[in-house]
Amino acid sequence: MSKWKESAEGLQRSFEFDNFKDAFAFMCRVAFEAERLQHHPNWHNVYNKVDITLNTHDAGGAITEKDHNLAKAIDAIAG
């Protein structure tokens, strides 16, 4: 999981796509997987960039196994 950085806010990673449509399609795919896992990202999108932070609200914002599992799923979606 080397592309994910651990910070006080959580696991963080940025993704860049060719255009807004591709970024939004990625976000839609992540949304379905997040719903399946019942663990949802904090994210920010501007045009072709998506910044994601993962932490577990139920654990006081700590990084938990839920975050690592969702990060792996996001990596698989991103390819």
PDB file of N, CA and C in Angstrom:
ATOM      1  N   MET A   1       0.839  -1.187   0.000  1.00  0.00           N
ATOM      2  CA  MET A   1       0.000   0.000   0.000  1.00  0.00           C
ATOM      3  C   MET A   1       0.880   1.245   0.000  1.00  0.00           C
ATOM      4  N   SER A   2       1.947   1.222  -0.746  1.00  0.00           N
ATOM      5  CA  SER A   2       2.943   2.283  -0.702  1.00  0.00           C
ATOM      6  C   SER A   2       2.441   3.627  -1.214  1.00  0.00           C
ATOM      7  N   LYS A   3       1.430   3.629  -2.041  1.00  0.00           N
ATOM      8  CA  LYS A   3       0.937   4.903  -2.573  1.00  0.00           C
ATOM      9  C   LYS A   3       0.041   5.643  -1.579  1.00  0.00           C
ATOM     10  N   TRP A   4      -0.420   4.957  -0.558  1.00  0.00           N
ATOM     11  CA  TRP A   4      -1.224   5.585   0.485  1.00  0.00           C
ATOM     12  C   TRP A   4      -0.281   6.126   1.548  1.00  0.00           C
ATOM     13  N   LYS A   5      -0.508   7.357   1.961  1.00  0.00           N
ATOM     14  CA  LYS A   5       0.297   7.981   3.006  1.00  0.00           C
ATOM     15  C   LYS A   5      -0.516   8.024   4.291  1.00  0.00           C
ATOM     16  N   GLU A   6       0.114   7.681   5.387  1.00  0.00           N
ATOM     17  CA  GLU A   6      -0.554   7.742   6.682  1.00  0.00           C
ATOM     18  C   GLU A   6      -0.260   9.089   7.324  1.00  0.00           C
ATOM     19  N   SER A   7      -1.318   9.772   7.772  1.00  0.00           N
ATOM     20  CA  SER A   7      -1.171  11.065   8.431  1.00  0.00           C
ATOM     21  C   SER A   7      -2.098  11.107   9.641  1.00  0.00           C
ATOM     22  N   ALA A   8      -2.087  12.206  10.344  1.00  0.00           N
ATOM     23  CA  ALA A   8      -2.980  12.371  11.493  1.00  0.00           C
ATOM     24  C   ALA A   8      -4.446  12.334  11.066  1.00  0.00           C
ATOM     25  N   GLU A   9      -4.731  12.688   9.816  1.00  0.00           N
ATOM     26  CA  GLU A   9      -6.110  12.682   9.312  1.00  0.00           C
ATOM     27  C   GLU A   9      -6.566  11.298   8.870  1.00  0.00           C
ATOM     28  N   GLY A  10      -5.627  10.416   8.520  1.00  0.00           N
ATOM     29  CA  GLY A  10      -5.980   9.084   8.057  1.00  0.00           C
ATOM     30  C   GLY A  10      -5.075   8.633   6.935  1.00  0.00           C
ATOM     31  N   LEU A  11      -5.509   7.609   6.206  1.00  0.00           N
ATOM     32  CA  LEU A  11      -4.806   7.179   5.001  1.00  0.00           C
ATOM     33  C   LEU A  11      -5.177   8.130   3.882  1.00  0.00           C
ATOM     34  N   GLN A  12      -4.198   8.619   3.139  1.00  0.00           N
ATOM     35  CA  GLN A  12      -4.471   9.601   2.097  1.00  0.00           C
ATOM     36  C   GLN A  12      -3.802   9.193   0.791  1.00  0.00           C
ATOM     37  N   ARG A  13      -4.520   9.445  -0.289  1.00  0.00           N
ATOM     38  CA  ARG A  13      -3.976   9.211  -1.622  1.00  0.00           C
ATOM     39  C   ARG A  13      -4.684  10.124  -2.604  1.00  0.00           C
ATOM     40  N   SER A  14      -3.944  10.564  -3.613  1.00  0.00           N
ATOM     41  CA  SER A  14      -4.501  11.384  -4.686  1.00  0.00           C
ATOM     42  C   SER A  14      -4.469  10.592  -5.988  1.00  0.00           C
ATOM     43  N   PHE A  15      -5.478  10.801  -6.788  1.00  0.00           N
ATOM     44  CA  PHE A  15      -5.588  10.156  -8.096  1.00  0.00           C
ATOM     45  C   PHE A  15      -5.788  11.238  -9.141  1.00  0.00           C
ATOM     46  N   GLU A  16      -5.186  11.043 -10.305  1.00  0.00           N
ATOM     47  CA  GLU A  16      -5.360  11.994 -11.408  1.00  0.00           C
ATOM     48  C   GLU A  16      -5.773  11.228 -12.652  1.00  0.00           C
ATOM     49  N   PHE A  17      -6.758  11.772 -13.367  1.00  0.00           N
ATOM     50  CA  PHE A  17      -7.323  11.124 -14.538  1.00  0.00           C
ATOM     51  C   PHE A  17      -7.191  12.036 -15.753  1.00  0.00           C
ATOM     52  N   ASP A  18      -7.550  11.533 -16.914  1.00  0.00           N
ATOM     53  CA  ASP A  18      -7.437  12.325 -18.137  1.00  0.00           C
ATOM     54  C   ASP A  18      -8.417  13.488 -18.184  1.00  0.00           C
ATOM     55  N   ASN A  19      -9.582  13.298 -17.534  1.00  0.00           N
ATOM     56  CA  ASN A  19     -10.609  14.335 -17.605  1.00  0.00           C
ATOM     57  C   ASN A  19     -11.608  14.147 -16.456  1.00  0.00           C
ATOM     58  N   PHE A  20     -12.568  15.049 -16.372  1.00  0.00           N
ATOM     59  CA  PHE A  20     -13.571  14.999 -15.308  1.00  0.00           C
ATOM     60  C   PHE A  20     -14.426  13.743 -15.395  1.00  0.00           C
ATOM     61  N   LYS A  21     -14.792  13.359 -16.608  1.00  0.00           N
ATOM     62  CA  LYS A  21     -15.648  12.180 -16.788  1.00  0.00           C
ATOM     63  C   LYS A  21     -14.983  10.937 -16.208  1.00  0.00           C
ATOM     64  N   ASP A  22     -13.714  10.747 -16.460  1.00  0.00           N
ATOM     65  CA  ASP A  22     -13.001   9.584 -15.931  1.00  0.00           C
ATOM     66  C   ASP A  22     -12.880   9.649 -14.411  1.00  0.00           C
ATOM     67  N   ALA A  23     -12.639  10.846 -13.882  1.00  0.00           N
ATOM     68  CA  ALA A  23     -12.565  11.009 -12.424  1.00  0.00           C
ATOM     69  C   ALA A  23     -13.905  10.681 -11.785  1.00  0.00           C
ATOM     70  N   PHE A  24     -14.978  11.154 -12.391  1.00  0.00           N
ATOM     71  CA  PHE A  24     -16.310  10.909 -11.839  1.00  0.00           C
ATOM     72  C   PHE A  24     -16.693   9.432 -11.938  1.00  0.00           C
ATOM     73  N   ALA A  25     -16.326   8.793 -13.033  1.00  0.00           N
ATOM     74  CA  ALA A  25     -16.603   7.357 -13.183  1.00  0.00           C
ATOM     75  C   ALA A  25     -15.876   6.564 -12.101  1.00  0.00           C
ATOM     76  N   PHE A  26     -14.630   6.933 -11.817  1.00  0.00           N
ATOM     77  CA  PHE A  26     -13.866   6.306 -10.739  1.00  0.00           C
ATOM     78  C   PHE A  26     -14.583   6.492  -9.412  1.00  0.00           C
ATOM     79  N   MET A  27     -15.048   7.698  -9.137  1.00  0.00           N
ATOM     80  CA  MET A  27     -15.740   7.980  -7.884  1.00  0.00           C
ATOM     81  C   MET A  27     -17.026   7.153  -7.777  1.00  0.00           C
ATOM     82  N   CYS A  28     -17.728   6.964  -8.862  1.00  0.00           N
ATOM     83  CA  CYS A  28     -18.946   6.143  -8.841  1.00  0.00           C
ATOM     84  C   CYS A  28     -18.615   4.699  -8.508  1.00  0.00           C
ATOM     85  N   ARG A  29     -17.562   4.178  -9.098  1.00  0.00           N
ATOM     86  CA  ARG A  29     -17.166   2.793  -8.818  1.00  0.00           C
ATOM     87  C   ARG A  29     -16.751   2.649  -7.358  1.00  0.00           C
ATOM     88  N   VAL A  30     -15.997   3.630  -6.854  1.00  0.00           N
ATOM     89  CA  VAL A  30     -15.593   3.601  -5.443  1.00  0.00           C
ATOM     90  C   VAL A  30     -16.824   3.681  -4.542  1.00  0.00           C
ATOM     91  N   ALA A  31     -17.798   4.498  -4.915  1.00  0.00           N
ATOM     92  CA  ALA A  31     -19.009   4.651  -4.100  1.00  0.00           C
ATOM     93  C   ALA A  31     -19.742   3.320  -3.940  1.00  0.00           C
ATOM     94  N   PHE A  32     -19.859   2.549  -5.011  1.00  0.00           N
ATOM     95  CA  PHE A  32     -20.530   1.252  -4.918  1.00  0.00           C
ATOM     96  C   PHE A  32     -19.757   0.290  -4.018  1.00  0.00           C
ATOM     97  N   GLU A  33     -18.423   0.297  -4.141  1.00  0.00           N
ATOM     98  CA  GLU A  33     -17.612  -0.589  -3.297  1.00  0.00           C
ATOM     99  C   GLU A  33     -17.662  -0.138  -1.840  1.00  0.00           C
ATOM    100  N   ALA A  34     -17.619   1.163  -1.597  1.00  0.00           N
ATOM    101  CA  ALA A  34     -17.696   1.688  -0.234  1.00  0.00           C
ATOM    102  C   ALA A  34     -19.032   1.307   0.416  1.00  0.00           C
ATOM    103  N   GLU A  35     -20.082   1.378  -0.349  1.00  0.00           N
ATOM    104  CA  GLU A  35     -21.394   0.996   0.180  1.00  0.00           C
ATOM    105  C   GLU A  35     -21.431  -0.497   0.503  1.00  0.00           C
ATOM    106  N   ARG A  36     -20.820  -1.303  -0.368  1.00  0.00           N
ATOM    107  CA  ARG A  36     -20.765  -2.746  -0.119  1.00  0.00           C
ATOM    108  C   ARG A  36     -20.004  -3.041   1.173  1.00  0.00           C
ATOM    109  N   LEU A  37     -18.912  -2.322   1.392  1.00  0.00           N
ATOM    110  CA  LEU A  37     -18.101  -2.525   2.592  1.00  0.00           C
ATOM    111  C   LEU A  37     -18.648  -1.777   3.809  1.00  0.00           C
ATOM    112  N   GLN A  38     -19.661  -0.927   3.592  1.00  0.00           N
ATOM    113  CA  GLN A  38     -20.221  -0.097   4.667  1.00  0.00           C
ATOM    114  C   GLN A  38     -19.141   0.747   5.344  1.00  0.00           C
ATOM    115  N   HIS A  39     -18.289   1.333   4.506  1.00  0.00           N
ATOM    116  CA  HIS A  39     -17.219   2.204   4.983  1.00  0.00           C
ATOM    117  C   HIS A  39     -16.983   3.242   3.893  1.00  0.00           C
ATOM    118  N   HIS A  40     -17.118   4.501   4.229  1.00  0.00           N
ATOM    119  CA  HIS A  40     -17.191   5.535   3.203  1.00  0.00           C
ATOM    120  C   HIS A  40     -16.023   6.522   3.298  1.00  0.00           C
ATOM    121  N   PRO A  41     -15.497   6.931   2.146  1.00  0.00           N
ATOM    122  CA  PRO A  41     -14.333   7.812   2.141  1.00  0.00           C
ATOM    123  C   PRO A  41     -14.708   9.272   2.367  1.00  0.00           C
ATOM    124  N   ASN A  42     -13.728  10.009   2.818  1.00  0.00           N
ATOM    125  CA  ASN A  42     -13.786  11.469   2.748  1.00  0.00           C
ATOM    126  C   ASN A  42     -13.026  11.805   1.470  1.00  0.00           C
ATOM    127  N   TRP A  43     -13.653  12.555   0.581  1.00  0.00           N
ATOM    128  CA  TRP A  43     -12.950  12.837  -0.664  1.00  0.00           C
ATOM    129  C   TRP A  43     -13.269  14.220  -1.194  1.00  0.00           C
ATOM    130  N   HIS A  44     -12.409  14.625  -2.108  1.00  0.00           N
ATOM    131  CA  HIS A  44     -12.512  15.958  -2.717  1.00  0.00           C
ATOM    132  C   HIS A  44     -12.171  15.785  -4.189  1.00  0.00           C
ATOM    133  N   ASN A  45     -12.984  16.384  -5.050  1.00  0.00           N
ATOM    134  CA  ASN A  45     -12.775  16.286  -6.493  1.00  0.00           C
ATOM    135  C   ASN A  45     -12.761  17.665  -7.116  1.00  0.00           C
ATOM    136  N   VAL A  46     -11.738  17.926  -7.900  1.00  0.00           N
ATOM    137  CA  VAL A  46     -11.687  19.103  -8.757  1.00  0.00           C
ATOM    138  C   VAL A  46     -11.243  18.624 -10.124  1.00  0.00           C
ATOM    139  N   TYR A  47     -12.088  18.816 -11.097  1.00  0.00           N
ATOM    140  CA  TYR A  47     -11.879  18.424 -12.485  1.00  0.00           C
ATOM    141  C   TYR A  47     -11.387  16.985 -12.593  1.00  0.00           C
ATOM    142  N   ASN A  48     -10.094  16.772 -12.851  1.00  0.00           N
ATOM    143  CA  ASN A  48      -9.599  15.410 -13.091  1.00  0.00           C
ATOM    144  C   ASN A  48      -8.854  14.826 -11.891  1.00  0.00           C
ATOM    145  N   LYS A  49      -8.943  15.479 -10.742  1.00  0.00           N
ATOM    146  CA  LYS A  49      -8.221  15.027  -9.555  1.00  0.00           C
ATOM    147  C   LYS A  49      -9.190  14.621  -8.449  1.00  0.00           C
ATOM    148  N   VAL A  50      -8.864  13.515  -7.789  1.00  0.00           N
ATOM    149  CA  VAL A  50      -9.654  13.028  -6.663  1.00  0.00           C
ATOM    150  C   VAL A  50      -8.690  12.775  -5.509  1.00  0.00           C
ATOM    151  N   ASP A  51      -8.909  13.455  -4.392  1.00  0.00           N
ATOM    152  CA  ASP A  51      -8.123  13.256  -3.177  1.00  0.00           C
ATOM    153  C   ASP A  51      -8.995  12.497  -2.189  1.00  0.00           C
ATOM    154  N   ILE A  52      -8.451  11.421  -1.630  1.00  0.00           N
ATOM    155  CA  ILE A  52      -9.212  10.567  -0.722  1.00  0.00           C
ATOM    156  C   ILE A  52      -8.488  10.469   0.617  1.00  0.00           C
ATOM    157  N   THR A  53      -9.266  10.582   1.691  1.00  0.00           N
ATOM    158  CA  THR A  53      -8.773  10.330   3.044  1.00  0.00           C
ATOM    159  C   THR A  53      -9.677   9.273   3.667  1.00  0.00           C
ATOM    160  N   LEU A  54      -9.050   8.256   4.245  1.00  0.00           N
ATOM    161  CA  LEU A  54      -9.792   7.181   4.900  1.00  0.00           C
ATOM    162  C   LEU A  54      -9.443   7.166   6.382  1.00  0.00           C
ATOM    163  N   ASN A  55     -10.477   7.182   7.204  1.00  0.00           N
ATOM    164  CA  ASN A  55     -10.335   6.962   8.648  1.00  0.00           C
ATOM    165  C   ASN A  55     -11.654   6.398   9.150  1.00  0.00           C
ATOM    166  N   THR A  56     -11.646   5.903  10.362  1.00  0.00           N
ATOM    167  CA  THR A  56     -12.844   5.251  10.892  1.00  0.00           C
ATOM    168  C   THR A  56     -13.453   6.133  11.968  1.00  0.00           C
ATOM    169  N   HIS A  57     -14.591   6.734  11.645  1.00  0.00           N
ATOM    170  CA  HIS A  57     -15.263   7.657  12.566  1.00  0.00           C
ATOM    171  C   HIS A  57     -15.626   6.971  13.879  1.00  0.00           C
ATOM    172  N   ASP A  58     -16.076   5.707  13.794  1.00  0.00           N
ATOM    173  CA  ASP A  58     -16.459   4.959  15.001  1.00  0.00           C
ATOM    174  C   ASP A  58     -15.275   4.693  15.928  1.00  0.00           C
ATOM    175  N   ALA A  59     -14.055   4.835  15.402  1.00  0.00           N
ATOM    176  CA  ALA A  59     -12.838   4.608  16.200  1.00  0.00           C
ATOM    177  C   ALA A  59     -12.145   5.938  16.502  1.00  0.00           C
ATOM    178  N   GLY A  60     -12.927   7.020  16.518  1.00  0.00           N
ATOM    179  CA  GLY A  60     -12.363   8.321  16.841  1.00  0.00           C
ATOM    180  C   GLY A  60     -11.471   8.896  15.760  1.00  0.00           C
ATOM    181  N   GLY A  61     -11.665   8.459  14.521  1.00  0.00           N
ATOM    182  CA  GLY A  61     -10.865   8.964  13.413  1.00  0.00           C
ATOM    183  C   GLY A  61      -9.563   8.212  13.209  1.00  0.00           C
ATOM    184  N   ALA A  62      -9.369   7.122  13.943  1.00  0.00           N
ATOM    185  CA  ALA A  62      -8.154   6.312  13.795  1.00  0.00           C
ATOM    186  C   ALA A  62      -8.201   5.522  12.485  1.00  0.00           C
ATOM    187  N   ILE A  63      -7.046   5.055  12.066  1.00  0.00           N
ATOM    188  CA  ILE A  63      -6.949   4.176  10.908  1.00  0.00           C
ATOM    189  C   ILE A  63      -7.134   2.738  11.393  1.00  0.00           C
ATOM    190  N   THR A  64      -8.093   2.052  10.774  1.00  0.00           N
ATOM    191  CA  THR A  64      -8.395   0.682  11.177  1.00  0.00           C
ATOM    192  C   THR A  64      -8.320  -0.252   9.969  1.00  0.00           C
ATOM    193  N   GLU A  65      -8.596  -1.517  10.230  1.00  0.00           N
ATOM    194  CA  GLU A  65      -8.622  -2.514   9.162  1.00  0.00           C
ATOM    195  C   GLU A  65      -9.637  -2.139   8.078  1.00  0.00           C
ATOM    196  N   LYS A  66     -10.735  -1.511   8.480  1.00  0.00           N
ATOM    197  CA  LYS A  66     -11.735  -1.063   7.494  1.00  0.00           C
ATOM    198  C   LYS A  66     -11.108  -0.133   6.464  1.00  0.00           C
ATOM    199  N   ASP A  67     -10.254   0.765   6.933  1.00  0.00           N
ATOM    200  CA  ASP A  67      -9.602   1.719   6.029  1.00  0.00           C
ATOM    201  C   ASP A  67      -8.641   1.007   5.081  1.00  0.00           C
ATOM    202  N   HIS A  68      -7.860   0.081   5.621  1.00  0.00           N
ATOM    203  CA  HIS A  68      -6.930  -0.669   4.780  1.00  0.00           C
ATOM    204  C   HIS A  68      -7.678  -1.512   3.750  1.00  0.00           C
ATOM    205  N   ASN A  69      -8.804  -2.102   4.146  1.00  0.00           N
ATOM    206  CA  ASN A  69      -9.596  -2.896   3.200  1.00  0.00           C
ATOM    207  C   ASN A  69     -10.170  -2.025   2.089  1.00  0.00           C
ATOM    208  N   LEU A  70     -10.690  -0.862   2.439  1.00  0.00           N
ATOM    209  CA  LEU A  70     -11.233   0.026   1.412  1.00  0.00           C
ATOM    210  C   LEU A  70     -10.111   0.556   0.529  1.00  0.00           C
ATOM    211  N   ALA A  71      -8.959   0.856   1.100  1.00  0.00           N
ATOM    212  CA  ALA A  71      -7.817   1.326   0.300  1.00  0.00           C
ATOM    213  C   ALA A  71      -7.423   0.269  -0.740  1.00  0.00           C
ATOM    214  N   LYS A  72      -7.397  -0.990  -0.345  1.00  0.00           N
ATOM    215  CA  LYS A  72      -7.075  -2.069  -1.293  1.00  0.00           C
ATOM    216  C   LYS A  72      -8.105  -2.148  -2.409  1.00  0.00           C
ATOM    217  N   ALA A  73      -9.375  -1.998  -2.041  1.00  0.00           N
ATOM    218  CA  ALA A  73     -10.438  -2.030  -3.056  1.00  0.00           C
ATOM    219  C   ALA A  73     -10.312  -0.847  -4.005  1.00  0.00           C
ATOM    220  N   ILE A  74      -9.997   0.329  -3.474  1.00  0.00           N
ATOM    221  CA  ILE A  74      -9.819   1.515  -4.323  1.00  0.00           C
ATOM    222  C   ILE A  74      -8.640   1.321  -5.270  1.00  0.00           C
ATOM    223  N   ASP A  75      -7.554   0.754  -4.762  1.00  0.00           N
ATOM    224  CA  ASP A  75      -6.398   0.491  -5.616  1.00  0.00           C
ATOM    225  C   ASP A  75      -6.775  -0.447  -6.758  1.00  0.00           C
ATOM    226  N   ALA A  76      -7.586  -1.466  -6.469  1.00  0.00           N
ATOM    227  CA  ALA A  76      -8.018  -2.396  -7.511  1.00  0.00           C
ATOM    228  C   ALA A  76      -8.869  -1.688  -8.553  1.00  0.00           C
ATOM    229  N   ILE A  77      -9.724  -0.779  -8.122  1.00  0.00           N
ATOM    230  CA  ILE A  77     -10.565  -0.018  -9.058  1.00  0.00           C
ATOM    231  C   ILE A  77      -9.691   0.886  -9.926  1.00  0.00           C
ATOM    232  N   ALA A  78      -8.700   1.525  -9.300  1.00  0.00           N
ATOM    233  CA  ALA A  78      -7.840   2.456 -10.025  1.00  0.00           C
ATOM    234  C   ALA A  78      -6.950   1.730 -11.029  1.00  0.00           C
ATOM    235  N   GLY A  79      -6.700   0.436 -10.764  1.00  0.00           N
ATOM    236  CA  GLY A  79      -5.903  -0.377 -11.683  1.00  0.00           C
ATOM    237  C   GLY A  79      -4.448  -0.266 -11.485  1.00  0.00           C
TER     238      GLY A  79
END
